C-alpha atoms as a PDB file:
ATOM      1  CA  MET A   1     -41.309 163.625  72.565  1.00  0.00           C
ATOM      2  CA  SER A   2     -39.243 166.606  71.464  1.00  0.00           C
ATOM      3  CA  SER A   3     -40.242 168.655  68.456  1.00  0.00           C
ATOM      4  CA  TRP A   4     -37.801 169.764  65.778  1.00  0.00           C
ATOM      5  CA  GLU A   5     -39.107 173.268  66.435  1.00  0.00           C
ATOM      6  CA  GLU A   6     -36.925 173.187  69.557  1.00  0.00           C
ATOM      7  CA  CYS A   7     -33.734 172.682  67.521  1.00  0.00           C
ATOM      8  CA  ARG A   8     -32.286 176.061  66.554  1.00  0.00           C
ATOM      9  CA  ALA A   9     -30.155 174.552  63.777  1.00  0.00           C
ATOM     10  CA  VAL A  10     -33.208 173.809  61.623  1.00  0.00           C
ATOM     11  CA  GLU A  11     -36.232 175.589  60.243  1.00  0.00           C
ATOM     12  CA  ARG A  12     -39.384 174.790  58.345  1.00  0.00           C
ATOM     13  CA  ASP A  13     -41.087 177.023  55.829  1.00  0.00           C
ATOM     14  CA  PRO A  14     -43.899 175.872  53.526  1.00  0.00           C
ATOM     15  CA  ALA A  15     -42.270 177.926  50.738  1.00  0.00           C
ATOM     16  CA  LYS A  16     -38.930 176.076  51.079  1.00  0.00           C
ATOM     17  CA  VAL A  17     -38.405 172.495  49.918  1.00  0.00           C
ATOM     18  CA  SER A  18     -42.117 171.672  50.207  1.00  0.00           C
ATOM     19  CA  GLY A  19     -42.124 172.476  53.922  1.00  0.00           C
ATOM     20  CA  ALA A  20     -39.470 169.920  54.844  1.00  0.00           C
ATOM     21  CA  TRP A  21     -37.201 170.545  57.821  1.00  0.00           C
ATOM     22  CA  VAL A  22     -34.033 172.157  56.472  1.00  0.00           C
ATOM     23  CA  PHE A  23     -30.821 173.423  57.997  1.00  0.00           C
ATOM     24  CA  ALA A  24     -31.368 177.039  59.048  1.00  0.00           C
ATOM     25  CA  ASN A  25     -30.678 179.595  56.316  1.00  0.00           C
ATOM     26  CA  THR A  26     -30.293 176.882  53.653  1.00  0.00           C
ATOM     27  CA  ARG A  27     -32.435 174.723  51.408  1.00  0.00           C
ATOM     28  CA  VAL A  28     -30.666 171.531  52.539  1.00  0.00           C
ATOM     29  CA  PRO A  29     -33.139 169.052  54.035  1.00  0.00           C
ATOM     30  CA  VAL A  30     -32.231 167.542  57.398  1.00  0.00           C
ATOM     31  CA  ARG A  31     -33.176 164.208  55.873  1.00  0.00           C
ATOM     32  CA  ALA A  32     -30.154 164.550  53.545  1.00  0.00           C
ATOM     33  CA  LEU A  33     -27.831 164.366  56.551  1.00  0.00           C
ATOM     34  CA  PHE A  34     -29.277 161.086  57.777  1.00  0.00           C
ATOM     35  CA  GLU A  35     -29.389 159.589  54.279  1.00  0.00           C
ATOM     36  CA  ASN A  36     -25.748 160.489  53.633  1.00  0.00           C
ATOM     37  CA  LEU A  37     -24.580 159.195  57.017  1.00  0.00           C
ATOM     38  CA  GLU A  38     -26.520 155.985  56.430  1.00  0.00           C
ATOM     39  CA  ASP A  39     -24.708 155.601  53.095  1.00  0.00           C
ATOM     40  CA  GLY A  40     -21.321 155.907  54.827  1.00  0.00           C
ATOM     41  CA  ALA A  41     -20.498 159.603  54.509  1.00  0.00           C
ATOM     42  CA  THR A  42     -18.728 161.412  57.323  1.00  0.00           C
ATOM     43  CA  VAL A  43     -19.843 164.665  58.890  1.00  0.00           C
ATOM     44  CA  ASP A  44     -16.873 166.411  57.267  1.00  0.00           C
ATOM     45  CA  GLN A  45     -17.880 165.097  53.847  1.00  0.00           C
ATOM     46  CA  PHE A  46     -21.477 166.204  54.347  1.00  0.00           C
ATOM     47  CA  VAL A  47     -20.414 169.728  55.284  1.00  0.00           C
ATOM     48  CA  GLU A  48     -18.121 169.818  52.251  1.00  0.00           C
ATOM     49  CA  TRP A  49     -20.838 168.566  49.896  1.00  0.00           C
ATOM     50  CA  PHE A  50     -23.515 170.951  51.197  1.00  0.00           C
ATOM     51  CA  PRO A  51     -22.123 174.488  51.333  1.00  0.00           C
ATOM     52  CA  GLY A  52     -23.996 176.660  53.784  1.00  0.00           C
ATOM     53  CA  VAL A  53     -24.440 173.874  56.327  1.00  0.00           C
ATOM     54  CA  THR A  54     -22.004 174.239  59.197  1.00  0.00           C
ATOM     55  CA  ARG A  55     -20.439 171.535  61.303  1.00  0.00           C
ATOM     56  CA  GLU A  56     -22.086 173.155  64.332  1.00  0.00           C
ATOM     57  CA  GLN A  57     -25.518 172.782  62.717  1.00  0.00           C
ATOM     58  CA  VAL A  58     -24.842 169.117  61.936  1.00  0.00           C
ATOM     59  CA  GLU A  59     -23.672 168.455  65.490  1.00  0.00           C
ATOM     60  CA  ALA A  60     -26.735 170.227  66.900  1.00  0.00           C
ATOM     61  CA  VAL A  61     -29.056 168.131  64.724  1.00  0.00           C
ATOM     62  CA  LEU A  62     -27.333 164.878  65.700  1.00  0.00           C
ATOM     63  CA  GLU A  63     -27.411 165.789  69.393  1.00  0.00           C
ATOM     64  CA  PHE A  64     -31.078 166.762  69.145  1.00  0.00           C
ATOM     65  CA  ALA A  65     -31.960 163.523  67.358  1.00  0.00           C
ATOM     66  CA  ALA A  66     -30.086 161.458  69.956  1.00  0.00           C
ATOM     67  CA  ALA A  67     -31.811 163.270  72.832  1.00  0.00           C
ATOM     68  CA  SER A  68     -35.200 162.778  71.158  1.00  0.00           C
ATOM     69  CA  LEU A  69     -34.564 159.058  70.826  1.00  0.00           C
ATOM     70  CA  GLU A  70     -33.511 158.816  74.465  1.00  0.00           C
ATOM     71  CA  LEU A  71     -36.701 160.600  75.542  1.00  0.00           C
ATOM     72  CA  GLN A  72     -38.798 158.339  73.359  1.00  0.00           C
ATOM     73  CA  ALA A  73     -37.075 155.225  74.682  1.00  0.00           C
ATOM     74  CA  SER A  74     -37.505 156.241  78.314  1.00  0.00           C
ATOM     75  CA  ALA A  75     -41.166 157.082  77.735  1.00  0.00           C
ATOM     76  CA  THR A  76     -41.864 153.648  76.289  1.00  0.00           C
ATOM     77  CA  SER A  77     -39.667 151.554  78.574  1.00  0.00           C
ATOM     78  CA  PRO A  78     -41.462 149.058  80.848  1.00  0.00           C
ATOM     79  CA  THR A  79     -40.245 150.841  83.996  1.00  0.00           C
ATOM     80  CA  ALA A  80     -41.501 154.195  82.732  1.00  0.00           C
ATOM     81  CA  THR A  81     -44.958 152.845  81.932  1.00  0.00           C
ATOM     82  CA  SER A  82     -45.291 150.791  85.126  1.00  0.00           C
ATOM     83  CA  SER A  83     -44.610 153.799  87.341  1.00  0.00           C
ATOM     84  CA  ARG A  84     -47.478 155.837  85.841  1.00  0.00           C
END
């Protein structure tokens, strides 16, 4: 499975937000994006509400999360495990 360390749009520092993954050069937790989207916010609203986070960062995080899920799904699919 992919690690968030591979996503250049985010960073993790024990001295920032208790070590949570945050958007690079901000204190905005990545978790805030998913919580806001889950509650019905749009990407444009999120970027407006969280100054410092760019649309490009949000898109990179969403693309990374989608790719991670695809990797996880293919690794646990019956065809993937039966061919090992």
